[in-house]
């Protein structure tokens, strides 16, 4: 998300940027403690695809894939309103910049 969408100095995106990882950690921890999935038994590279990484890290436990899919869907749902807010702000700024560009034309006659 850092490389595909402007997060740095974007206050409307800072909230989900902090909330979603915390939510993912809490859900995964609770699922592990309650015995809904096996604990992680191996480290996988960070470049491993999303659902495959949970499967491999938990010793090939398919329930970890389900938990990871739930976390992914909840993360998307949390981000959606903030992305829409940010898009509205950017659209408003684009209109204002367009209006400002019309005033910057110099008449040299």
N, C-alpha and C. Protein backbone atom coordinates (compact mmCIF):
# COMPACT_ATOMS: atom_id res chain seq x y z
N UNK A 1 0.81 -1.19 0.00
CA UNK A 1 0.00 0.00 0.00
C UNK A 1 0.85 1.26 0.00
N UNK A 2 2.03 1.19 0.56
CA UNK A 2 2.90 2.35 0.57
C UNK A 2 3.31 2.78 -0.83
N UNK A 3 3.51 1.83 -1.71
CA UNK A 3 4.04 2.14 -3.02
C UNK A 3 2.94 2.44 -4.03
N UNK A 4 1.72 2.02 -3.77
CA UNK A 4 0.65 2.21 -4.74
C UNK A 4 -0.27 3.38 -4.44
N UNK A 5 -0.25 3.89 -3.23
CA UNK A 5 -1.16 4.95 -2.84
C UNK A 5 -0.42 5.90 -1.90
N UNK A 6 -0.62 7.20 -2.04
CA UNK A 6 0.13 8.14 -1.20
C UNK A 6 -0.28 8.08 0.26
N UNK A 7 0.57 7.51 1.09
CA UNK A 7 0.30 7.38 2.52
C UNK A 7 1.01 8.47 3.31
N UNK A 8 2.24 8.76 2.94
CA UNK A 8 3.07 9.70 3.68
C UNK A 8 2.46 11.11 3.58
N UNK A 9 2.36 11.78 4.71
CA UNK A 9 1.78 13.13 4.82
C UNK A 9 0.33 13.19 4.36
N UNK A 10 -0.38 12.08 4.44
CA UNK A 10 -1.77 12.04 4.04
C UNK A 10 -2.58 11.63 5.27
N UNK A 11 -3.12 12.61 5.96
CA UNK A 11 -3.75 12.36 7.25
C UNK A 11 -4.98 11.48 7.12
N UNK A 12 -5.69 11.56 6.01
CA UNK A 12 -6.89 10.73 5.87
C UNK A 12 -6.54 9.26 5.69
N UNK A 13 -5.33 8.94 5.25
CA UNK A 13 -4.92 7.56 5.08
C UNK A 13 -4.12 7.05 6.27
N UNK A 14 -3.75 7.92 7.19
CA UNK A 14 -2.97 7.51 8.36
C UNK A 14 -3.79 6.64 9.30
N UNK A 15 -5.08 6.93 9.41
CA UNK A 15 -5.93 6.17 10.34
C UNK A 15 -6.01 4.70 9.94
N UNK A 16 -6.42 4.38 8.70
CA UNK A 16 -6.47 2.95 8.36
C UNK A 16 -5.08 2.32 8.28
N UNK A 17 -4.07 3.11 7.96
CA UNK A 17 -2.71 2.59 7.90
C UNK A 17 -2.25 2.08 9.26
N UNK A 18 -2.74 2.69 10.33
CA UNK A 18 -2.42 2.24 11.68
C UNK A 18 -3.41 1.21 12.22
N UNK A 19 -4.68 1.34 11.88
CA UNK A 19 -5.72 0.48 12.43
C UNK A 19 -5.70 -0.93 11.83
N UNK A 20 -5.51 -1.03 10.52
CA UNK A 20 -5.62 -2.34 9.85
C UNK A 20 -4.56 -3.34 10.34
N UNK A 21 -3.28 -2.98 10.44
CA UNK A 21 -2.33 -3.95 10.96
C UNK A 21 -2.62 -4.37 12.40
N UNK A 22 -3.04 -3.43 13.23
CA UNK A 22 -3.38 -3.76 14.61
C UNK A 22 -4.55 -4.73 14.64
N UNK A 23 -5.56 -4.47 13.83
CA UNK A 23 -6.72 -5.36 13.74
C UNK A 23 -6.29 -6.75 13.28
N UNK A 24 -5.41 -6.83 12.29
CA UNK A 24 -4.94 -8.12 11.79
C UNK A 24 -4.18 -8.91 12.84
N UNK A 25 -3.35 -8.22 13.60
CA UNK A 25 -2.59 -8.88 14.65
C UNK A 25 -3.52 -9.40 15.74
N UNK A 26 -4.48 -8.58 16.15
CA UNK A 26 -5.41 -8.99 17.22
C UNK A 26 -6.24 -10.19 16.78
N UNK A 27 -6.79 -10.15 15.57
CA UNK A 27 -7.61 -11.27 15.08
C UNK A 27 -6.78 -12.53 14.96
N UNK A 28 -5.58 -12.43 14.43
CA UNK A 28 -4.72 -13.60 14.28
C UNK A 28 -4.31 -14.17 15.64
N UNK A 29 -3.99 -13.29 16.56
CA UNK A 29 -3.62 -13.73 17.91
C UNK A 29 -4.78 -14.46 18.58
N UNK A 30 -5.97 -13.86 18.52
CA UNK A 30 -7.14 -14.48 19.14
C UNK A 30 -7.47 -15.82 18.48
N UNK A 31 -7.34 -15.90 17.16
CA UNK A 31 -7.61 -17.17 16.47
C UNK A 31 -6.62 -18.24 16.90
N UNK A 32 -5.37 -17.85 17.12
CA UNK A 32 -4.35 -18.80 17.56
C UNK A 32 -4.60 -19.24 19.00
N UNK A 33 -4.87 -18.29 19.89
CA UNK A 33 -5.09 -18.59 21.30
C UNK A 33 -6.34 -19.45 21.50
N UNK A 34 -7.37 -19.19 20.71
CA UNK A 34 -8.62 -19.95 20.84
C UNK A 34 -8.55 -21.31 20.13
N UNK A 35 -7.43 -21.59 19.48
CA UNK A 35 -7.26 -22.87 18.83
C UNK A 35 -7.94 -22.98 17.48
N UNK A 36 -8.31 -21.85 16.88
CA UNK A 36 -8.95 -21.87 15.57
C UNK A 36 -7.95 -22.13 14.44
N UNK A 37 -6.67 -21.92 14.72
CA UNK A 37 -5.62 -22.23 13.75
C UNK A 37 -4.33 -22.54 14.51
N UNK A 38 -3.43 -23.22 13.84
CA UNK A 38 -2.14 -23.56 14.45
C UNK A 38 -1.29 -22.31 14.60
N UNK A 39 -0.41 -22.28 15.58
CA UNK A 39 0.53 -21.15 15.67
C UNK A 39 1.56 -21.21 14.55
N UNK A 40 2.20 -20.09 14.30
CA UNK A 40 3.24 -20.05 13.27
C UNK A 40 4.42 -20.91 13.72
N UNK A 41 4.90 -21.73 12.80
CA UNK A 41 6.02 -22.62 13.11
C UNK A 41 7.23 -22.34 12.23
N UNK A 42 7.06 -21.50 11.22
CA UNK A 42 8.19 -21.17 10.34
C UNK A 42 8.05 -19.75 9.82
N UNK A 43 9.18 -19.19 9.46
CA UNK A 43 9.19 -17.87 8.86
C UNK A 43 9.12 -18.01 7.35
N UNK A 44 8.30 -17.21 6.73
CA UNK A 44 8.22 -17.20 5.28
C UNK A 44 8.67 -15.83 4.79
N UNK A 45 9.23 -15.75 3.59
CA UNK A 45 9.66 -14.45 3.06
C UNK A 45 8.46 -13.49 2.95
N UNK A 46 8.73 -12.21 3.12
CA UNK A 46 7.65 -11.23 3.09
C UNK A 46 7.04 -11.10 1.70
N UNK A 47 7.73 -11.61 0.69
CA UNK A 47 7.22 -11.53 -0.67
C UNK A 47 6.28 -12.69 -1.02
N UNK A 48 6.05 -13.60 -0.09
CA UNK A 48 5.14 -14.71 -0.33
C UNK A 48 3.72 -14.18 -0.46
N UNK A 49 2.96 -14.64 -1.45
CA UNK A 49 1.59 -14.14 -1.63
C UNK A 49 0.73 -14.32 -0.38
N UNK A 50 -0.27 -13.49 -0.26
CA UNK A 50 -1.05 -13.34 0.98
C UNK A 50 -1.56 -14.66 1.54
N UNK A 51 -2.38 -15.37 0.85
CA UNK A 51 -3.00 -16.56 1.44
C UNK A 51 -2.02 -17.73 1.55
N UNK A 52 -1.05 -17.77 0.67
CA UNK A 52 -0.04 -18.83 0.72
C UNK A 52 0.87 -18.66 1.94
N UNK A 53 1.15 -17.43 2.31
CA UNK A 53 2.07 -17.19 3.44
C UNK A 53 1.50 -17.72 4.75
N UNK A 54 0.23 -17.51 5.00
CA UNK A 54 -0.39 -18.04 6.22
C UNK A 54 -0.41 -19.55 6.23
N UNK A 55 -0.66 -20.14 5.07
CA UNK A 55 -0.69 -21.59 4.96
C UNK A 55 0.67 -22.20 5.27
N UNK A 56 1.72 -21.61 4.71
CA UNK A 56 3.07 -22.13 4.93
C UNK A 56 3.59 -21.84 6.33
N UNK A 57 3.29 -20.66 6.87
CA UNK A 57 3.82 -20.27 8.18
C UNK A 57 3.24 -21.11 9.31
N UNK A 58 2.04 -21.62 9.13
CA UNK A 58 1.40 -22.39 10.19
C UNK A 58 1.54 -23.90 9.98
N UNK A 59 2.47 -24.30 9.19
CA UNK A 59 2.67 -25.73 8.96
C UNK A 59 1.57 -26.33 8.11
N UNK A 60 1.15 -25.59 7.11
CA UNK A 60 0.13 -26.02 6.15
C UNK A 60 -1.24 -26.24 6.78
N UNK A 61 -1.64 -25.32 7.63
CA UNK A 61 -2.96 -25.35 8.25
C UNK A 61 -3.92 -24.52 7.39
N UNK A 62 -4.91 -25.16 6.80
CA UNK A 62 -5.84 -24.47 5.91
C UNK A 62 -6.69 -23.44 6.65
N UNK A 63 -6.85 -23.60 7.96
CA UNK A 63 -7.65 -22.66 8.73
C UNK A 63 -6.97 -21.29 8.81
N UNK A 64 -5.65 -21.29 8.72
CA UNK A 64 -4.92 -20.01 8.71
C UNK A 64 -5.24 -19.22 7.44
N UNK A 65 -5.48 -19.93 6.35
CA UNK A 65 -5.86 -19.27 5.10
C UNK A 65 -7.21 -18.58 5.28
N UNK A 66 -8.13 -19.23 5.96
CA UNK A 66 -9.45 -18.64 6.21
C UNK A 66 -9.31 -17.40 7.09
N UNK A 67 -8.53 -17.49 8.15
CA UNK A 67 -8.32 -16.34 9.03
C UNK A 67 -7.65 -15.20 8.25
N UNK A 68 -6.67 -15.53 7.44
CA UNK A 68 -5.98 -14.50 6.67
C UNK A 68 -6.93 -13.87 5.65
N UNK A 69 -7.81 -14.63 5.05
CA UNK A 69 -8.79 -14.08 4.11
C UNK A 69 -9.76 -13.15 4.83
N UNK A 70 -10.17 -13.52 6.03
CA UNK A 70 -11.07 -12.65 6.82
C UNK A 70 -10.38 -11.33 7.15
N UNK A 71 -9.13 -11.41 7.56
CA UNK A 71 -8.36 -10.19 7.88
C UNK A 71 -8.21 -9.32 6.63
N UNK A 72 -7.96 -9.95 5.50
CA UNK A 72 -7.80 -9.21 4.24
C UNK A 72 -9.09 -8.48 3.87
N UNK A 73 -10.22 -9.17 3.94
CA UNK A 73 -11.51 -8.56 3.60
C UNK A 73 -11.85 -7.43 4.57
N UNK A 74 -11.63 -7.65 5.87
CA UNK A 74 -11.89 -6.58 6.85
C UNK A 74 -10.97 -5.37 6.61
N UNK A 75 -9.72 -5.63 6.25
CA UNK A 75 -8.80 -4.53 5.95
C UNK A 75 -9.27 -3.71 4.77
N UNK A 76 -9.75 -4.39 3.73
CA UNK A 76 -10.27 -3.68 2.56
C UNK A 76 -11.49 -2.86 2.94
N UNK A 77 -12.38 -3.44 3.74
CA UNK A 77 -13.59 -2.72 4.16
C UNK A 77 -13.25 -1.50 5.02
N UNK A 78 -12.21 -1.60 5.83
CA UNK A 78 -11.79 -0.45 6.65
C UNK A 78 -11.20 0.64 5.77
N UNK A 79 -10.40 0.26 4.78
CA UNK A 79 -9.76 1.25 3.92
C UNK A 79 -10.74 1.96 2.98
N UNK A 80 -11.79 1.29 2.54
CA UNK A 80 -12.66 1.85 1.50
C UNK A 80 -13.21 3.25 1.80
N UNK A 81 -13.77 3.52 2.97
CA UNK A 81 -14.28 4.88 3.19
C UNK A 81 -13.19 5.94 3.19
N UNK A 82 -12.02 5.58 3.67
CA UNK A 82 -10.92 6.55 3.70
C UNK A 82 -10.38 6.83 2.30
N UNK A 83 -10.37 5.84 1.45
CA UNK A 83 -9.95 6.04 0.05
C UNK A 83 -10.96 6.93 -0.65
N UNK A 84 -12.25 6.72 -0.40
CA UNK A 84 -13.28 7.57 -1.01
C UNK A 84 -13.15 9.01 -0.53
N UNK A 85 -12.89 9.20 0.75
CA UNK A 85 -12.69 10.56 1.28
C UNK A 85 -11.48 11.20 0.62
N UNK A 86 -10.40 10.44 0.50
CA UNK A 86 -9.19 10.97 -0.11
C UNK A 86 -9.42 11.31 -1.58
N UNK A 87 -10.17 10.47 -2.30
CA UNK A 87 -10.48 10.75 -3.69
C UNK A 87 -11.29 12.03 -3.83
N UNK A 88 -12.24 12.25 -2.92
CA UNK A 88 -13.04 13.47 -2.96
C UNK A 88 -12.16 14.70 -2.71
N UNK A 89 -11.24 14.60 -1.78
CA UNK A 89 -10.32 15.72 -1.49
C UNK A 89 -9.44 16.00 -2.70
N UNK A 90 -8.93 14.96 -3.33
CA UNK A 90 -8.08 15.14 -4.51
C UNK A 90 -8.87 15.73 -5.68
N UNK A 91 -10.12 15.32 -5.85
CA UNK A 91 -10.95 15.89 -6.92
C UNK A 91 -11.22 17.36 -6.67
N UNK A 92 -11.47 17.72 -5.41
CA UNK A 92 -11.69 19.13 -5.07
C UNK A 92 -10.43 19.95 -5.31
N UNK A 93 -9.27 19.39 -4.96
CA UNK A 93 -8.01 20.09 -5.19
C UNK A 93 -7.74 20.25 -6.68
N UNK A 94 -8.10 19.27 -7.48
CA UNK A 94 -7.89 19.35 -8.92
C UNK A 94 -8.74 20.46 -9.53
N UNK A 95 -9.98 20.59 -9.06
CA UNK A 95 -10.85 21.65 -9.56
C UNK A 95 -10.29 23.01 -9.15
N UNK A 96 -9.84 23.13 -7.91
CA UNK A 96 -9.26 24.39 -7.45
C UNK A 96 -7.99 24.74 -8.21
N UNK A 97 -7.15 23.74 -8.48
CA UNK A 97 -5.93 23.98 -9.24
C UNK A 97 -6.24 24.39 -10.67
N UNK A 98 -7.30 23.81 -11.24
CA UNK A 98 -7.70 24.17 -12.60
C UNK A 98 -8.18 25.61 -12.64
N UNK A 99 -8.93 26.02 -11.62
CA UNK A 99 -9.39 27.40 -11.55
C UNK A 99 -8.22 28.36 -11.35
N UNK A 100 -7.24 27.97 -10.57
CA UNK A 100 -6.06 28.80 -10.34
C UNK A 100 -5.20 28.91 -11.60
N UNK A 101 -5.16 27.87 -12.41
CA UNK A 101 -4.37 27.90 -13.64
C UNK A 101 -4.93 28.90 -14.64
N UNK A 102 -6.24 29.11 -14.64
CA UNK A 102 -6.85 30.07 -15.54
C UNK A 102 -6.42 31.50 -15.19
N UNK A 103 -6.15 31.77 -13.94
CA UNK A 103 -5.75 33.10 -13.49
C UNK A 103 -4.28 33.37 -13.73
N UNK A 104 -3.49 32.36 -14.02
CA UNK A 104 -2.04 32.53 -14.15
C UNK A 104 -1.61 32.97 -15.55
N UNK A 105 -2.54 33.14 -16.47
CA UNK A 105 -2.19 33.52 -17.83
C UNK A 105 -1.87 35.01 -17.84
N UNK A 106 -0.68 35.33 -18.38
CA UNK A 106 -0.25 36.73 -18.46
C UNK A 106 -0.58 37.30 -19.82
N UNK A 107 -1.09 38.48 -19.82
CA UNK A 107 -1.36 39.18 -21.07
C UNK A 107 -0.24 40.19 -21.28
N UNK A 108 0.58 39.98 -22.29
CA UNK A 108 1.75 40.83 -22.53
C UNK A 108 1.47 41.99 -23.45
N UNK A 109 0.23 42.15 -23.89
CA UNK A 109 -0.10 43.28 -24.78
C UNK A 109 -0.28 44.56 -24.03
